[in-house]
C-alpha atoms as a PDB file:
ATOM      1  CA  MET A   1      -9.352  46.662  65.321  1.00  0.00           C
ATOM      2  CA  SER A   2     -11.828  45.941  62.513  1.00  0.00           C
ATOM      3  CA  SER A   3      -9.243  46.731  59.857  1.00  0.00           C
ATOM      4  CA  PHE A   4      -6.975  43.906  61.261  1.00  0.00           C
ATOM      5  CA  ASP A   5      -9.897  41.646  61.389  1.00  0.00           C
ATOM      6  CA  ASP A   6     -10.813  42.429  57.882  1.00  0.00           C
ATOM      7  CA  ARG A   7      -7.293  41.698  56.677  1.00  0.00           C
ATOM      8  CA  GLU A   8      -7.241  38.481  58.634  1.00  0.00           C
ATOM      9  CA  ARG A   9     -10.494  37.307  57.023  1.00  0.00           C
ATOM     10  CA  ALA A  10      -9.187  38.315  53.633  1.00  0.00           C
ATOM     11  CA  GLU A  11      -6.050  36.292  54.100  1.00  0.00           C
ATOM     12  CA  GLU A  12      -8.016  33.330  55.226  1.00  0.00           C
ATOM     13  CA  ALA A  13     -10.247  33.543  52.230  1.00  0.00           C
ATOM     14  CA  ARG A  14      -7.275  33.869  49.879  1.00  0.00           C
ATOM     15  CA  TYR A  15      -5.653  30.860  51.509  1.00  0.00           C
ATOM     16  CA  ALA A  16      -8.809  28.738  51.082  1.00  0.00           C
ATOM     17  CA  MET A  17      -9.054  29.887  47.417  1.00  0.00           C
ATOM     18  CA  ASP A  18      -5.337  28.905  46.822  1.00  0.00           C
ATOM     19  CA  GLN A  19      -5.939  25.560  48.469  1.00  0.00           C
ATOM     20  CA  GLN A  20      -8.967  24.897  46.363  1.00  0.00           C
ATOM     21  CA  SER A  21      -7.114  25.940  43.245  1.00  0.00           C
ATOM     22  CA  GLN A  22      -4.190  23.672  43.994  1.00  0.00           C
ATOM     23  CA  MET A  23      -6.740  20.743  44.522  1.00  0.00           C
ATOM     24  CA  ARG A  24      -8.247  21.462  41.145  1.00  0.00           C
ATOM     25  CA  VAL A  25      -4.812  21.572  39.476  1.00  0.00           C
ATOM     26  CA  THR A  26      -3.730  18.269  41.050  1.00  0.00           C
ATOM     27  CA  ALA A  27      -7.040  16.597  40.051  1.00  0.00           C
ATOM     28  CA  ARG A  28      -6.543  17.858  36.417  1.00  0.00           C
ATOM     29  CA  ARG A  29      -2.874  16.686  36.429  1.00  0.00           C
ATOM     30  CA  ASN A  30      -3.981  13.289  37.560  1.00  0.00           C
ATOM     31  CA  LYS A  31      -6.708  13.109  34.936  1.00  0.00           C
ATOM     32  CA  LEU A  32      -4.188  13.978  32.286  1.00  0.00           C
ATOM     33  CA  LEU A  33      -1.796  11.309  33.674  1.00  0.00           C
ATOM     34  CA  GLY A  34      -4.695   8.844  33.500  1.00  0.00           C
ATOM     35  CA  LEU A  35      -5.359   9.775  29.924  1.00  0.00           C
ATOM     36  CA  TRP A  36      -1.560   9.396  29.134  1.00  0.00           C
ATOM     37  CA  ALA A  37      -1.591   5.882  30.725  1.00  0.00           C
ATOM     38  CA  ALA A  38      -4.815   4.925  29.015  1.00  0.00           C
ATOM     39  CA  GLY A  39      -3.114   5.779  25.708  1.00  0.00           C
ATOM     40  CA  LEU A  40      -0.144   3.619  26.531  1.00  0.00           C
ATOM     41  CA  MET A  41      -2.500   0.717  27.254  1.00  0.00           C
ATOM     42  CA  GLY A  42      -4.477   1.227  23.978  1.00  0.00           C
ATOM     43  CA  VAL A  43      -7.555   2.508  25.780  1.00  0.00           C
ATOM     44  CA  SER A  44      -9.527   5.391  24.204  1.00  0.00           C
ATOM     45  CA  GLY A  45     -12.726   7.219  24.223  1.00  0.00           C
ATOM     46  CA  ALA A  46     -15.196   6.851  27.078  1.00  0.00           C
ATOM     47  CA  GLU A  47     -13.134   4.024  28.534  1.00  0.00           C
ATOM     48  CA  ALA A  48     -10.000   6.270  28.735  1.00  0.00           C
ATOM     49  CA  GLU A  49     -12.077   9.014  30.357  1.00  0.00           C
ATOM     50  CA  ALA A  50     -13.437   6.485  32.941  1.00  0.00           C
ATOM     51  CA  TYR A  51      -9.895   5.213  33.580  1.00  0.00           C
ATOM     52  CA  ALA A  52      -8.694   8.874  34.074  1.00  0.00           C
ATOM     53  CA  LYS A  53     -11.375   9.443  36.568  1.00  0.00           C
ATOM     54  CA  SER A  54     -10.289   6.346  38.435  1.00  0.00           C
ATOM     55  CA  VAL A  55      -6.812   7.849  38.677  1.00  0.00           C
ATOM     56  CA  VAL A  56      -8.220  11.028  40.144  1.00  0.00           C
ATOM     57  CA  VAL A  57     -10.164   9.003  42.698  1.00  0.00           C
ATOM     58  CA  ALA A  58      -6.976   6.978  43.574  1.00  0.00           C
ATOM     59  CA  ASP A  59      -5.308  10.187  44.689  1.00  0.00           C
ATOM     60  CA  LEU A  60      -7.822  10.409  47.637  1.00  0.00           C
ATOM     61  CA  GLU A  61      -6.283   7.329  49.314  1.00  0.00           C
ATOM     62  CA  GLU A  62      -3.292   9.077  50.902  1.00  0.00           C
ATOM     63  CA  ALA A  63      -1.390  12.393  50.857  1.00  0.00           C
ATOM     64  CA  GLY A  64       1.124  12.857  48.042  1.00  0.00           C
ATOM     65  CA  ASP A  65       1.444  11.271  44.709  1.00  0.00           C
ATOM     66  CA  GLY A  66       2.488   7.716  45.877  1.00  0.00           C
ATOM     67  CA  ASP A  67      -1.014   6.244  45.492  1.00  0.00           C
ATOM     68  CA  VAL A  68      -1.412   7.558  41.948  1.00  0.00           C
ATOM     69  CA  ILE A  69       2.034   6.406  40.924  1.00  0.00           C
ATOM     70  CA  ARG A  70       1.466   2.929  42.334  1.00  0.00           C
ATOM     71  CA  LYS A  71      -1.942   2.638  40.576  1.00  0.00           C
ATOM     72  CA  ILE A  72      -0.501   3.784  37.236  1.00  0.00           C
ATOM     73  CA  LEU A  73       2.420   1.351  37.486  1.00  0.00           C
ATOM     74  CA  ALA A  74       0.300  -1.541  38.469  1.00  0.00           C
ATOM     75  CA  ASP A  75      -2.188  -0.906  35.751  1.00  0.00           C
ATOM     76  CA  LEU A  76       0.500  -0.410  33.139  1.00  0.00           C
ATOM     77  CA  SER A  77       2.236  -3.620  34.219  1.00  0.00           C
ATOM     78  CA  ALA A  78      -1.112  -5.520  34.081  1.00  0.00           C
ATOM     79  CA  ALA A  79      -1.488  -4.334  30.455  1.00  0.00           C
ATOM     80  CA  GLY A  80       2.041  -5.400  29.578  1.00  0.00           C
ATOM     81  CA  VAL A  81       3.395  -1.879  29.351  1.00  0.00           C
ATOM     82  CA  THR A  82       6.757  -1.306  30.940  1.00  0.00           C
ATOM     83  CA  ARG A  83       7.335   2.128  32.575  1.00  0.00           C
ATOM     84  CA  THR A  84       9.517   2.933  35.565  1.00  0.00           C
ATOM     85  CA  GLU A  85       8.507   4.983  38.596  1.00  0.00           C
ATOM     86  CA  ALA A  86      10.902   7.710  37.391  1.00  0.00           C
ATOM     87  CA  GLN A  87       9.145   7.851  34.026  1.00  0.00           C
ATOM     88  CA  VAL A  88       5.780   8.186  35.679  1.00  0.00           C
ATOM     89  CA  LYS A  89       7.138  10.944  37.921  1.00  0.00           C
ATOM     90  CA  GLU A  90       8.536  12.707  34.807  1.00  0.00           C
ATOM     91  CA  GLU A  91       5.168  12.615  33.190  1.00  0.00           C
ATOM     92  CA  LEU A  92       3.564  13.997  36.336  1.00  0.00           C
ATOM     93  CA  ALA A  93       6.094  16.829  36.317  1.00  0.00           C
ATOM     94  CA  ARG A  94       5.492  17.564  32.580  1.00  0.00           C
ATOM     95  CA  LEU A  95       1.727  17.575  33.083  1.00  0.00           C
ATOM     96  CA  LEU A  96       1.696  19.949  36.078  1.00  0.00           C
ATOM     97  CA  PRO A  97       2.087  23.158  34.111  1.00  0.00           C
ATOM     98  CA  VAL A  98      -0.318  21.902  31.493  1.00  0.00           C
ATOM     99  CA  ALA A  99      -2.894  21.312  34.197  1.00  0.00           C
ATOM    100  CA  ARG A 100      -2.218  24.755  35.664  1.00  0.00           C
ATOM    101  CA  GLU A 101      -2.793  26.399  32.294  1.00  0.00           C
ATOM    102  CA  GLU A 102      -5.954  24.494  31.683  1.00  0.00           C
ATOM    103  CA  ILE A 103      -7.341  25.405  35.100  1.00  0.00           C
ATOM    104  CA  ALA A 104      -6.374  29.077  34.552  1.00  0.00           C
ATOM    105  CA  ARG A 105      -8.007  29.092  31.109  1.00  0.00           C
ATOM    106  CA  ASP A 106     -11.198  27.459  32.433  1.00  0.00           C
ATOM    107  CA  SER A 107     -11.400  30.041  35.312  1.00  0.00           C
ATOM    108  CA  LYS A 108     -11.251  32.940  32.787  1.00  0.00           C
ATOM    109  CA  GLY A 109     -13.827  31.443  30.326  1.00  0.00           C
END
């Protein structure tokens, strides 16, 4: 029976690691999205980094990407930058593999 218990614990640990990894990838993707939006709004340097962090925090409001998309669209609109929800979603999709690669690279180094 201990062999079964060991496998079960290993599966649980692997699942927890996968969940944690996915959370890090999502946070990195959201940060990259924030930097993209900051660039569109003409913000750079430390201010862009701070804005990107605010996008990561915005993702904690609800499950899914809706909270991040709404924040980005509202902030872009307030800055006079026109983007559609579809364009923001495209950027999210484009940045996901970039974030995965960065997290994988960070994990190895």
